[in-house]
Amino acid sequence: MINDEGQNVDLYIPRKCSWTNRLIGAKDHAAVQINIGHLDEQGLFTGKTTTFAIGGAVRHRGESDSGLDHLWQKKKAELGQ
């Protein structure tokens, strides 16, 4: 919920799995969130990151590697890298 000043006042904001778009529950202790840093042409970190959240069910099925690879390839195409 957002107050009159435009600030987010919710105590808990659930995450969504980047691969399946399912909500990641508070009790899903197998879920991970991965931040991937962006590099410039010289290979130096630019300070920008892309965040992906992978749910525990995807990790349990062994699909997190292929899902993360697909998501990153799609993101690289959007960024033009």
PDB file of N, CA and C in Angstrom:
ATOM      1  N   MET A   1       0.843  -1.156   0.000  1.00  0.00           N
ATOM      2  CA  MET A   1       0.000   0.000   0.000  1.00  0.00           C
ATOM      3  C   MET A   1       0.898   1.231   0.000  1.00  0.00           C
ATOM      4  N   ILE A   2       0.473   2.271  -0.674  1.00  0.00           N
ATOM      5  CA  ILE A   2       1.241   3.506  -0.784  1.00  0.00           C
ATOM      6  C   ILE A   2       0.487   4.611  -0.053  1.00  0.00           C
ATOM      7  N   ASN A   3       1.186   5.362   0.790  1.00  0.00           N
ATOM      8  CA  ASN A   3       0.538   6.437   1.539  1.00  0.00           C
ATOM      9  C   ASN A   3       0.430   7.704   0.696  1.00  0.00           C
ATOM     10  N   ASP A   4      -0.036   8.789   1.310  1.00  0.00           N
ATOM     11  CA  ASP A   4      -0.254  10.050   0.589  1.00  0.00           C
ATOM     12  C   ASP A   4       1.047  10.677   0.104  1.00  0.00           C
ATOM     13  N   GLU A   5       2.160  10.351   0.761  1.00  0.00           N
ATOM     14  CA  GLU A   5       3.452  10.907   0.370  1.00  0.00           C
ATOM     15  C   GLU A   5       4.140  10.105  -0.721  1.00  0.00           C
ATOM     16  N   GLY A   6       3.533   9.006  -1.156  1.00  0.00           N
ATOM     17  CA  GLY A   6       4.090   8.179  -2.213  1.00  0.00           C
ATOM     18  C   GLY A   6       5.062   7.129  -1.730  1.00  0.00           C
ATOM     19  N   GLN A   7       5.115   6.874  -0.412  1.00  0.00           N
ATOM     20  CA  GLN A   7       6.040   5.887   0.135  1.00  0.00           C
ATOM     21  C   GLN A   7       5.329   4.548   0.302  1.00  0.00           C
ATOM     22  N   ASN A   8       6.052   3.482   0.084  1.00  0.00           N
ATOM     23  CA  ASN A   8       5.519   2.136   0.259  1.00  0.00           C
ATOM     24  C   ASN A   8       5.515   1.806   1.742  1.00  0.00           C
ATOM     25  N   VAL A   9       4.357   1.440   2.293  1.00  0.00           N
ATOM     26  CA  VAL A   9       4.237   1.206   3.728  1.00  0.00           C
ATOM     27  C   VAL A   9       3.906  -0.244   4.058  1.00  0.00           C
ATOM     28  N   ASP A  10       3.956  -1.146   3.093  1.00  0.00           N
ATOM     29  CA  ASP A  10       3.678  -2.553   3.361  1.00  0.00           C
ATOM     30  C   ASP A  10       4.831  -3.167   4.148  1.00  0.00           C
ATOM     31  N   LEU A  11       4.500  -4.055   5.066  1.00  0.00           N
ATOM     32  CA  LEU A  11       5.523  -4.712   5.864  1.00  0.00           C
ATOM     33  C   LEU A  11       6.195  -5.848   5.100  1.00  0.00           C
ATOM     34  N   TYR A  12       5.453  -6.518   4.239  1.00  0.00           N
ATOM     35  CA  TYR A  12       5.989  -7.669   3.508  1.00  0.00           C
ATOM     36  C   TYR A  12       5.569  -7.568   2.050  1.00  0.00           C
ATOM     37  N   ILE A  13       6.523  -7.580   1.171  1.00  0.00           N
ATOM     38  CA  ILE A  13       6.251  -7.565  -0.264  1.00  0.00           C
ATOM     39  C   ILE A  13       6.773  -8.878  -0.829  1.00  0.00           C
ATOM     40  N   PRO A  14       5.879  -9.784  -1.255  1.00  0.00           N
ATOM     41  CA  PRO A  14       6.351 -11.088  -1.748  1.00  0.00           C
ATOM     42  C   PRO A  14       7.078 -10.944  -3.090  1.00  0.00           C
ATOM     43  N   ARG A  15       8.060 -11.827  -3.287  1.00  0.00           N
ATOM     44  CA  ARG A  15       8.786 -11.862  -4.560  1.00  0.00           C
ATOM     45  C   ARG A  15       8.085 -12.810  -5.516  1.00  0.00           C
ATOM     46  N   LYS A  16       8.385 -12.650  -6.805  1.00  0.00           N
ATOM     47  CA  LYS A  16       7.878 -13.561  -7.821  1.00  0.00           C
ATOM     48  C   LYS A  16       9.053 -14.239  -8.488  1.00  0.00           C
ATOM     49  N   CYS A  17       8.866 -15.511  -8.812  1.00  0.00           N
ATOM     50  CA  CYS A  17       9.898 -16.243  -9.533  1.00  0.00           C
ATOM     51  C   CYS A  17      10.040 -15.628 -10.924  1.00  0.00           C
ATOM     52  N   SER A  18      11.250 -15.303 -11.319  1.00  0.00           N
ATOM     53  CA  SER A  18      11.478 -14.683 -12.622  1.00  0.00           C
ATOM     54  C   SER A  18      11.199 -15.640 -13.769  1.00  0.00           C
ATOM     55  N   TRP A  19      11.308 -16.938 -13.529  1.00  0.00           N
ATOM     56  CA  TRP A  19      11.126 -17.934 -14.577  1.00  0.00           C
ATOM     57  C   TRP A  19       9.663 -18.342 -14.735  1.00  0.00           C
ATOM     58  N   THR A  20       8.954 -18.580 -13.626  1.00  0.00           N
ATOM     59  CA  THR A  20       7.578 -19.079 -13.695  1.00  0.00           C
ATOM     60  C   THR A  20       6.526 -18.035 -13.354  1.00  0.00           C
ATOM     61  N   ASN A  21       6.927 -16.881 -12.858  1.00  0.00           N
ATOM     62  CA  ASN A  21       6.035 -15.806 -12.415  1.00  0.00           C
ATOM     63  C   ASN A  21       5.120 -16.225 -11.268  1.00  0.00           C
ATOM     64  N   ARG A  22       5.485 -17.270 -10.537  1.00  0.00           N
ATOM     65  CA  ARG A  22       4.731 -17.660  -9.345  1.00  0.00           C
ATOM     66  C   ARG A  22       5.264 -16.897  -8.140  1.00  0.00           C
ATOM     67  N   LEU A  23       4.380 -16.648  -7.179  1.00  0.00           N
ATOM     68  CA  LEU A  23       4.815 -15.991  -5.956  1.00  0.00           C
ATOM     69  C   LEU A  23       5.740 -16.906  -5.164  1.00  0.00           C
ATOM     70  N   ILE A  24       6.765 -16.320  -4.585  1.00  0.00           N
ATOM     71  CA  ILE A  24       7.672 -17.048  -3.709  1.00  0.00           C
ATOM     72  C   ILE A  24       7.217 -16.770  -2.288  1.00  0.00           C
ATOM     73  N   GLY A  25       6.759 -17.781  -1.625  1.00  0.00           N
ATOM     74  CA  GLY A  25       6.242 -17.631  -0.275  1.00  0.00           C
ATOM     75  C   GLY A  25       7.335 -17.362   0.743  1.00  0.00           C
ATOM     76  N   ALA A  26       6.922 -16.894   1.904  1.00  0.00           N
ATOM     77  CA  ALA A  26       7.874 -16.582   2.967  1.00  0.00           C
ATOM     78  C   ALA A  26       8.552 -17.841   3.500  1.00  0.00           C
ATOM     79  N   LYS A  27       7.915 -18.985   3.384  1.00  0.00           N
ATOM     80  CA  LYS A  27       8.467 -20.243   3.900  1.00  0.00           C
ATOM     81  C   LYS A  27       9.256 -21.030   2.857  1.00  0.00           C
ATOM     82  N   ASP A  28       9.436 -20.468   1.669  1.00  0.00           N
ATOM     83  CA  ASP A  28      10.201 -21.145   0.623  1.00  0.00           C
ATOM     84  C   ASP A  28      11.684 -20.865   0.857  1.00  0.00           C
ATOM     85  N   HIS A  29      12.320 -21.708   1.651  1.00  0.00           N
ATOM     86  CA  HIS A  29      13.719 -21.488   2.016  1.00  0.00           C
ATOM     87  C   HIS A  29      14.690 -21.966   0.938  1.00  0.00           C
ATOM     88  N   ALA A  30      14.195 -22.589  -0.117  1.00  0.00           N
ATOM     89  CA  ALA A  30      15.058 -23.023  -1.210  1.00  0.00           C
ATOM     90  C   ALA A  30      15.166 -21.964  -2.311  1.00  0.00           C
ATOM     91  N   ALA A  31      14.369 -20.903  -2.213  1.00  0.00           N
ATOM     92  CA  ALA A  31      14.396 -19.849  -3.225  1.00  0.00           C
ATOM     93  C   ALA A  31      15.668 -19.022  -3.097  1.00  0.00           C
ATOM     94  N   VAL A  32      16.157 -18.537  -4.230  1.00  0.00           N
ATOM     95  CA  VAL A  32      17.353 -17.695  -4.246  1.00  0.00           C
ATOM     96  C   VAL A  32      17.077 -16.444  -5.064  1.00  0.00           C
ATOM     97  N   GLN A  33      17.817 -15.399  -4.748  1.00  0.00           N
ATOM     98  CA  GLN A  33      17.783 -14.168  -5.530  1.00  0.00           C
ATOM     99  C   GLN A  33      19.201 -13.885  -5.972  1.00  0.00           C
ATOM    100  N   ILE A  34      19.406 -13.698  -7.269  1.00  0.00           N
ATOM    101  CA  ILE A  34      20.743 -13.546  -7.831  1.00  0.00           C
ATOM    102  C   ILE A  34      20.844 -12.180  -8.490  1.00  0.00           C
ATOM    103  N   ASN A  35      21.884 -11.426  -8.133  1.00  0.00           N
ATOM    104  CA  ASN A  35      22.166 -10.141  -8.752  1.00  0.00           C
ATOM    105  C   ASN A  35      23.331 -10.331  -9.713  1.00  0.00           C
ATOM    106  N   ILE A  36      23.136  -9.973 -10.970  1.00  0.00           N
ATOM    107  CA  ILE A  36      24.172 -10.101 -11.990  1.00  0.00           C
ATOM    108  C   ILE A  36      24.643  -8.705 -12.354  1.00  0.00           C
ATOM    109  N   GLY A  37      25.942  -8.467 -12.196  1.00  0.00           N
ATOM    110  CA  GLY A  37      26.515  -7.151 -12.477  1.00  0.00           C
ATOM    111  C   GLY A  37      26.735  -6.923 -13.957  1.00  0.00           C
ATOM    112  N   HIS A  38      26.576  -5.676 -14.373  1.00  0.00           N
ATOM    113  CA  HIS A  38      26.791  -5.291 -15.767  1.00  0.00           C
ATOM    114  C   HIS A  38      28.231  -4.801 -15.936  1.00  0.00           C
ATOM    115  N   LEU A  39      28.827  -5.134 -17.078  1.00  0.00           N
ATOM    116  CA  LEU A  39      30.203  -4.754 -17.383  1.00  0.00           C
ATOM    117  C   LEU A  39      30.241  -3.835 -18.583  1.00  0.00           C
ATOM    118  N   ASP A  40      31.256  -2.975 -18.640  1.00  0.00           N
ATOM    119  CA  ASP A  40      31.438  -2.139 -19.822  1.00  0.00           C
ATOM    120  C   ASP A  40      32.322  -2.875 -20.834  1.00  0.00           C
ATOM    121  N   GLU A  41      32.745  -2.179 -21.873  1.00  0.00           N
ATOM    122  CA  GLU A  41      33.526  -2.816 -22.939  1.00  0.00           C
ATOM    123  C   GLU A  41      34.883  -3.312 -22.443  1.00  0.00           C
ATOM    124  N   GLN A  42      35.420  -2.685 -21.394  1.00  0.00           N
ATOM    125  CA  GLN A  42      36.723  -3.069 -20.862  1.00  0.00           C
ATOM    126  C   GLN A  42      36.615  -4.166 -19.809  1.00  0.00           C
ATOM    127  N   GLY A  43      35.399  -4.590 -19.493  1.00  0.00           N
ATOM    128  CA  GLY A  43      35.207  -5.631 -18.508  1.00  0.00           C
ATOM    129  C   GLY A  43      35.139  -5.122 -17.083  1.00  0.00           C
ATOM    130  N   LEU A  44      34.909  -3.819 -16.901  1.00  0.00           N
ATOM    131  CA  LEU A  44      34.819  -3.231 -15.572  1.00  0.00           C
ATOM    132  C   LEU A  44      33.353  -3.123 -15.154  1.00  0.00           C
ATOM    133  N   PHE A  45      33.101  -3.311 -13.879  1.00  0.00           N
ATOM    134  CA  PHE A  45      31.758  -3.238 -13.321  1.00  0.00           C
ATOM    135  C   PHE A  45      31.245  -1.806 -13.404  1.00  0.00           C
ATOM    136  N   THR A  46      30.026  -1.637 -13.943  1.00  0.00           N
ATOM    137  CA  THR A  46      29.460  -0.297 -14.133  1.00  0.00           C
ATOM    138  C   THR A  46      28.647   0.185 -12.938  1.00  0.00           C
ATOM    139  N   GLY A  47      28.358  -0.682 -11.992  1.00  0.00           N
ATOM    140  CA  GLY A  47      27.547  -0.295 -10.849  1.00  0.00           C
ATOM    141  C   GLY A  47      26.088  -0.667 -11.003  1.00  0.00           C
ATOM    142  N   LYS A  48      25.699  -1.148 -12.174  1.00  0.00           N
ATOM    143  CA  LYS A  48      24.320  -1.562 -12.417  1.00  0.00           C
ATOM    144  C   LYS A  48      24.214  -3.077 -12.281  1.00  0.00           C
ATOM    145  N   THR A  49      23.074  -3.529 -11.795  1.00  0.00           N
ATOM    146  CA  THR A  49      22.844  -4.963 -11.655  1.00  0.00           C
ATOM    147  C   THR A  49      21.462  -5.321 -12.165  1.00  0.00           C
ATOM    148  N   THR A  50      21.288  -6.585 -12.524  1.00  0.00           N
ATOM    149  CA  THR A  50      19.997  -7.157 -12.876  1.00  0.00           C
ATOM    150  C   THR A  50      19.708  -8.248 -11.862  1.00  0.00           C
ATOM    151  N   THR A  51      18.497  -8.233 -11.306  1.00  0.00           N
ATOM    152  CA  THR A  51      18.126  -9.166 -10.255  1.00  0.00           C
ATOM    153  C   THR A  51      17.153 -10.199 -10.782  1.00  0.00           C
ATOM    154  N   PHE A  52      17.443 -11.465 -10.507  1.00  0.00           N
ATOM    155  CA  PHE A  52      16.552 -12.567 -10.850  1.00  0.00           C
ATOM    156  C   PHE A  52      16.247 -13.337  -9.572  1.00  0.00           C
ATOM    157  N   ALA A  53      14.987 -13.715  -9.392  1.00  0.00           N
ATOM    158  CA  ALA A  53      14.576 -14.548  -8.264  1.00  0.00           C
ATOM    159  C   ALA A  53      14.116 -15.893  -8.819  1.00  0.00           C
ATOM    160  N   ILE A  54      14.622 -16.968  -8.250  1.00  0.00           N
ATOM    161  CA  ILE A  54      14.280 -18.323  -8.685  1.00  0.00           C
ATOM    162  C   ILE A  54      13.645 -19.047  -7.503  1.00  0.00           C
ATOM    163  N   GLY A  55      12.445 -19.568  -7.717  1.00  0.00           N
ATOM    164  CA  GLY A  55      11.713 -20.256  -6.661  1.00  0.00           C
ATOM    165  C   GLY A  55      12.287 -21.626  -6.353  1.00  0.00           C
ATOM    166  N   GLY A  56      11.966 -22.121  -5.172  1.00  0.00           N
ATOM    167  CA  GLY A  56      12.461 -23.415  -4.730  1.00  0.00           C
ATOM    168  C   GLY A  56      11.945 -24.571  -5.563  1.00  0.00           C
ATOM    169  N   ALA A  57      10.721 -24.460  -6.092  1.00  0.00           N
ATOM    170  CA  ALA A  57      10.164 -25.533  -6.914  1.00  0.00           C
ATOM    171  C   ALA A  57      10.959 -25.694  -8.210  1.00  0.00           C
ATOM    172  N   VAL A  58      11.385 -24.586  -8.792  1.00  0.00           N
ATOM    173  CA  VAL A  58      12.190 -24.641 -10.021  1.00  0.00           C
ATOM    174  C   VAL A  58      13.551 -25.257  -9.718  1.00  0.00           C
ATOM    175  N   ARG A  59      14.132 -24.892  -8.594  1.00  0.00           N
ATOM    176  CA  ARG A  59      15.427 -25.457  -8.205  1.00  0.00           C
ATOM    177  C   ARG A  59      15.303 -26.940  -7.905  1.00  0.00           C
ATOM    178  N   HIS A  60      14.194 -27.346  -7.315  1.00  0.00           N
ATOM    179  CA  HIS A  60      13.982 -28.759  -6.985  1.00  0.00           C
ATOM    180  C   HIS A  60      13.882 -29.618  -8.254  1.00  0.00           C
ATOM    181  N   ARG A  61      13.264 -29.069  -9.300  1.00  0.00           N
ATOM    182  CA  ARG A  61      13.132 -29.803 -10.565  1.00  0.00           C
ATOM    183  C   ARG A  61      14.422 -29.777 -11.386  1.00  0.00           C
ATOM    184  N   GLY A  62      15.393 -28.970 -10.975  1.00  0.00           N
ATOM    185  CA  GLY A  62      16.658 -28.907 -11.693  1.00  0.00           C
ATOM    186  C   GLY A  62      16.604 -28.038 -12.928  1.00  0.00           C
ATOM    187  N   GLU A  63      15.664 -27.104 -12.989  1.00  0.00           N
ATOM    188  CA  GLU A  63      15.502 -26.245 -14.158  1.00  0.00           C
ATOM    189  C   GLU A  63      16.051 -24.837 -13.944  1.00  0.00           C
ATOM    190  N   SER A  64      16.665 -24.593 -12.802  1.00  0.00           N
ATOM    191  CA  SER A  64      17.097 -23.225 -12.514  1.00  0.00           C
ATOM    192  C   SER A  64      18.237 -22.785 -13.425  1.00  0.00           C
ATOM    193  N   ASP A  65      19.136 -23.690 -13.781  1.00  0.00           N
ATOM    194  CA  ASP A  65      20.265 -23.329 -14.636  1.00  0.00           C
ATOM    195  C   ASP A  65      19.784 -22.913 -16.026  1.00  0.00           C
ATOM    196  N   SER A  66      18.937 -23.725 -16.631  1.00  0.00           N
ATOM    197  CA  SER A  66      18.449 -23.384 -17.970  1.00  0.00           C
ATOM    198  C   SER A  66      17.530 -22.165 -17.925  1.00  0.00           C
ATOM    199  N   GLY A  67      16.742 -22.031 -16.852  1.00  0.00           N
ATOM    200  CA  GLY A  67      15.867 -20.879 -16.724  1.00  0.00           C
ATOM    201  C   GLY A  67      16.642 -19.588 -16.572  1.00  0.00           C
ATOM    202  N   LEU A  68      17.679 -19.611 -15.736  1.00  0.00           N
ATOM    203  CA  LEU A  68      18.500 -18.430 -15.537  1.00  0.00           C
ATOM    204  C   LEU A  68      19.253 -18.057 -16.812  1.00  0.00           C
ATOM    205  N   ASP A  69      19.734 -19.058 -17.532  1.00  0.00           N
ATOM    206  CA  ASP A  69      20.420 -18.797 -18.798  1.00  0.00           C
ATOM    207  C   ASP A  69      19.477 -18.152 -19.807  1.00  0.00           C
ATOM    208  N   HIS A  70      18.261 -18.661 -19.911  1.00  0.00           N
ATOM    209  CA  HIS A  70      17.271 -18.098 -20.835  1.00  0.00           C
ATOM    210  C   HIS A  70      16.912 -16.656 -20.447  1.00  0.00           C
ATOM    211  N   LEU A  71      16.703 -16.417 -19.148  1.00  0.00           N
ATOM    212  CA  LEU A  71      16.362 -15.075 -18.686  1.00  0.00           C
ATOM    213  C   LEU A  71      17.485 -14.092 -18.967  1.00  0.00           C
ATOM    214  N   TRP A  72      18.729 -14.519 -18.752  1.00  0.00           N
ATOM    215  CA  TRP A  72      19.857 -13.616 -18.975  1.00  0.00           C
ATOM    216  C   TRP A  72      20.047 -13.334 -20.465  1.00  0.00           C
ATOM    217  N   GLN A  73      19.865 -14.337 -21.317  1.00  0.00           N
ATOM    218  CA  GLN A  73      19.982 -14.102 -22.762  1.00  0.00           C
ATOM    219  C   GLN A  73      18.929 -13.104 -23.235  1.00  0.00           C
ATOM    220  N   LYS A  74      17.718 -13.214 -22.695  1.00  0.00           N
ATOM    221  CA  LYS A  74      16.645 -12.284 -23.061  1.00  0.00           C
ATOM    222  C   LYS A  74      16.965 -10.875 -22.551  1.00  0.00           C
ATOM    223  N   LYS A  75      17.508 -10.772 -21.351  1.00  0.00           N
ATOM    224  CA  LYS A  75      17.856  -9.477 -20.792  1.00  0.00           C
ATOM    225  C   LYS A  75      19.007  -8.833 -21.557  1.00  0.00           C
ATOM    226  N   LYS A  76      19.988  -9.645 -21.974  1.00  0.00           N
ATOM    227  CA  LYS A  76      21.105  -9.108 -22.766  1.00  0.00           C
ATOM    228  C   LYS A  76      20.611  -8.557 -24.088  1.00  0.00           C
ATOM    229  N   ALA A  77      19.617  -9.214 -24.702  1.00  0.00           N
ATOM    230  CA  ALA A  77      19.068  -8.711 -25.957  1.00  0.00           C
ATOM    231  C   ALA A  77      18.355  -7.377 -25.743  1.00  0.00           C
ATOM    232  N   GLU A  78      17.682  -7.235 -24.604  1.00  0.00           N
ATOM    233  CA  GLU A  78      17.007  -5.966 -24.293  1.00  0.00           C
ATOM    234  C   GLU A  78      18.021  -4.849 -24.080  1.00  0.00           C
ATOM    235  N   LEU A  79      19.144  -5.168 -23.442  1.00  0.00           N
ATOM    236  CA  LEU A  79      20.170  -4.170 -23.166  1.00  0.00           C
ATOM    237  C   LEU A  79      21.053  -3.878 -24.370  1.00  0.00           C
ATOM    238  N   GLY A  80      21.026  -4.755 -25.354  1.00  0.00           N
ATOM    239  CA  GLY A  80      21.843  -4.559 -26.551  1.00  0.00           C
ATOM    240  C   GLY A  80      23.291  -4.939 -26.354  1.00  0.00           C
ATOM    241  N   GLN A  81      23.559  -5.936 -25.523  1.00  0.00           N
ATOM    242  CA  GLN A  81      24.943  -6.362 -25.281  1.00  0.00           C
ATOM    243  C   GLN A  81      25.288  -7.536 -26.149  1.00  0.00           C
TER     244      GLN A  81
END
